[in-house]
Amino acid sequence: MKIDIKSLRARLINYSEPVQVTSIDFHKGTFTWDYQGQHETEESLDYVESWEVEEKG
């Protein structure tokens, strides 16, 4: 399955709205996200409650 990173959202444990995922490093288990101009890198995928894909259509 291929997913366009631009369509990937993560619902983080401490956020009510999903954030835009900008990169994922599966080897390190980290990801970077953006929410309204706030960029942050999480050191663990454990911060994600769920993943969402915005469907184009």
N, C-alpha and C. Protein backbone atom coordinates (compact mmCIF):
# COMPACT_ATOMS: atom_id res chain seq x y z
N MET A 1 0.84 -1.18 0.00
CA MET A 1 0.00 0.00 0.00
C MET A 1 0.88 1.24 0.00
N LYS A 2 0.62 2.16 -0.90
CA LYS A 2 1.34 3.41 -0.95
C LYS A 2 0.45 4.52 -0.41
N ILE A 3 1.04 5.37 0.43
CA ILE A 3 0.32 6.51 0.99
C ILE A 3 1.13 7.76 0.71
N ASP A 4 0.50 8.75 0.14
CA ASP A 4 1.15 10.03 -0.09
C ASP A 4 1.33 10.71 1.27
N ILE A 5 2.57 11.05 1.64
CA ILE A 5 2.85 11.64 2.95
C ILE A 5 2.06 12.93 3.16
N LYS A 6 1.73 13.63 2.08
CA LYS A 6 0.95 14.87 2.19
C LYS A 6 -0.47 14.62 2.66
N SER A 7 -0.94 13.38 2.55
CA SER A 7 -2.31 13.07 2.96
C SER A 7 -2.37 12.39 4.33
N LEU A 8 -1.20 12.18 4.95
CA LEU A 8 -1.14 11.45 6.22
C LEU A 8 -1.30 12.39 7.41
N ARG A 9 -2.20 12.04 8.29
CA ARG A 9 -2.44 12.78 9.53
C ARG A 9 -2.25 11.83 10.71
N ALA A 10 -1.84 12.40 11.83
CA ALA A 10 -1.71 11.62 13.06
C ALA A 10 -2.55 12.30 14.14
N ARG A 11 -3.32 11.52 14.83
CA ARG A 11 -4.05 12.04 15.98
C ARG A 11 -3.19 11.73 17.21
N LEU A 12 -2.60 12.78 17.77
CA LEU A 12 -1.69 12.62 18.89
C LEU A 12 -2.45 12.52 20.21
N ILE A 13 -1.84 11.90 21.17
CA ILE A 13 -2.48 11.66 22.47
C ILE A 13 -2.93 12.97 23.12
N ASN A 14 -2.14 14.04 23.05
CA ASN A 14 -2.46 15.28 23.75
C ASN A 14 -3.07 16.36 22.87
N TYR A 15 -3.50 16.02 21.66
CA TYR A 15 -4.10 16.99 20.75
C TYR A 15 -5.49 16.51 20.34
N SER A 16 -6.43 17.45 20.27
CA SER A 16 -7.78 17.07 19.87
C SER A 16 -7.93 16.98 18.35
N GLU A 17 -7.11 17.75 17.62
CA GLU A 17 -7.16 17.76 16.16
C GLU A 17 -6.00 16.95 15.61
N PRO A 18 -6.20 16.28 14.47
CA PRO A 18 -5.07 15.58 13.84
C PRO A 18 -4.04 16.57 13.32
N VAL A 19 -2.78 16.16 13.32
CA VAL A 19 -1.69 17.00 12.83
C VAL A 19 -1.20 16.44 11.50
N GLN A 20 -0.62 17.29 10.67
CA GLN A 20 -0.07 16.90 9.37
C GLN A 20 1.29 16.24 9.59
N VAL A 21 1.45 15.02 9.15
CA VAL A 21 2.74 14.34 9.23
C VAL A 21 3.59 14.81 8.06
N THR A 22 4.82 15.26 8.35
CA THR A 22 5.69 15.74 7.28
C THR A 22 6.81 14.75 6.97
N SER A 23 7.15 13.88 7.92
CA SER A 23 8.14 12.83 7.65
C SER A 23 8.06 11.76 8.73
N ILE A 24 8.46 10.56 8.36
CA ILE A 24 8.52 9.43 9.29
C ILE A 24 9.84 8.71 9.06
N ASP A 25 10.52 8.37 10.15
CA ASP A 25 11.73 7.55 10.07
C ASP A 25 11.42 6.26 10.83
N PHE A 26 11.06 5.22 10.09
CA PHE A 26 10.67 3.97 10.73
C PHE A 26 11.85 3.28 11.41
N HIS A 27 13.06 3.52 10.91
CA HIS A 27 14.24 2.90 11.52
C HIS A 27 14.50 3.47 12.90
N LYS A 28 14.34 4.78 13.04
CA LYS A 28 14.54 5.43 14.34
C LYS A 28 13.26 5.43 15.18
N GLY A 29 12.12 5.25 14.54
CA GLY A 29 10.84 5.29 15.24
C GLY A 29 10.42 6.71 15.58
N THR A 30 10.80 7.68 14.73
CA THR A 30 10.46 9.07 14.96
C THR A 30 9.61 9.60 13.81
N PHE A 31 8.94 10.72 14.07
CA PHE A 31 8.21 11.39 13.00
C PHE A 31 8.15 12.89 13.28
N THR A 32 8.00 13.64 12.21
CA THR A 32 7.90 15.09 12.31
C THR A 32 6.50 15.49 11.86
N TRP A 33 5.94 16.46 12.56
CA TRP A 33 4.59 16.91 12.23
C TRP A 33 4.50 18.42 12.24
N ASP A 34 3.42 18.91 11.64
CA ASP A 34 3.14 20.35 11.56
C ASP A 34 1.68 20.56 11.92
N TYR A 35 1.44 21.53 12.80
CA TYR A 35 0.07 21.91 13.12
C TYR A 35 0.02 23.42 13.21
N GLN A 36 -0.61 24.05 12.25
CA GLN A 36 -0.76 25.50 12.18
C GLN A 36 0.59 26.21 12.35
N GLY A 37 1.60 25.71 11.64
CA GLY A 37 2.91 26.33 11.67
C GLY A 37 3.82 25.88 12.80
N GLN A 38 3.32 25.06 13.69
CA GLN A 38 4.14 24.52 14.78
C GLN A 38 4.73 23.19 14.31
N HIS A 39 6.05 23.16 14.12
CA HIS A 39 6.74 21.96 13.67
C HIS A 39 7.40 21.30 14.87
N GLU A 40 7.30 19.99 14.94
CA GLU A 40 7.93 19.27 16.05
C GLU A 40 8.30 17.86 15.61
N THR A 41 9.36 17.33 16.17
CA THR A 41 9.76 15.95 15.93
C THR A 41 9.52 15.16 17.21
N GLU A 42 8.78 14.09 17.09
CA GLU A 42 8.52 13.20 18.23
C GLU A 42 9.52 12.06 18.19
N GLU A 43 10.07 11.72 19.31
CA GLU A 43 11.10 10.69 19.41
C GLU A 43 10.52 9.28 19.50
N SER A 44 9.21 9.17 19.42
CA SER A 44 8.59 7.85 19.51
C SER A 44 7.24 7.87 18.78
N LEU A 45 6.93 6.78 18.13
CA LEU A 45 5.62 6.65 17.49
C LEU A 45 4.52 6.39 18.52
N ASP A 46 4.90 6.18 19.78
CA ASP A 46 3.93 5.94 20.85
C ASP A 46 3.06 7.15 21.14
N TYR A 47 3.44 8.33 20.67
CA TYR A 47 2.64 9.54 20.87
C TYR A 47 1.40 9.58 19.98
N VAL A 48 1.33 8.66 19.01
CA VAL A 48 0.21 8.64 18.07
C VAL A 48 -0.90 7.75 18.59
N GLU A 49 -2.07 8.34 18.72
CA GLU A 49 -3.26 7.58 19.12
C GLU A 49 -3.83 6.83 17.92
N SER A 50 -3.84 7.51 16.75
CA SER A 50 -4.30 6.86 15.52
C SER A 50 -3.75 7.62 14.31
N TRP A 51 -3.71 6.92 13.18
CA TRP A 51 -3.26 7.49 11.90
C TRP A 51 -4.48 7.66 11.01
N GLU A 52 -4.48 8.73 10.22
CA GLU A 52 -5.59 8.99 9.29
C GLU A 52 -5.02 9.35 7.93
N VAL A 53 -5.70 8.95 6.88
CA VAL A 53 -5.30 9.31 5.52
C VAL A 53 -6.45 10.10 4.90
N GLU A 54 -6.11 11.29 4.42
CA GLU A 54 -7.09 12.12 3.74
C GLU A 54 -7.27 11.59 2.34
N GLU A 55 -8.45 11.13 2.04
CA GLU A 55 -8.69 10.55 0.73
C GLU A 55 -8.93 11.62 -0.30
N LYS A 56 -8.30 11.45 -1.45
CA LYS A 56 -8.49 12.38 -2.56
C LYS A 56 -9.56 11.82 -3.46
N GLY A 57 -10.37 12.69 -3.92
CA GLY A 57 -11.35 12.08 -4.73
C GLY A 57 -12.19 12.84 -5.58
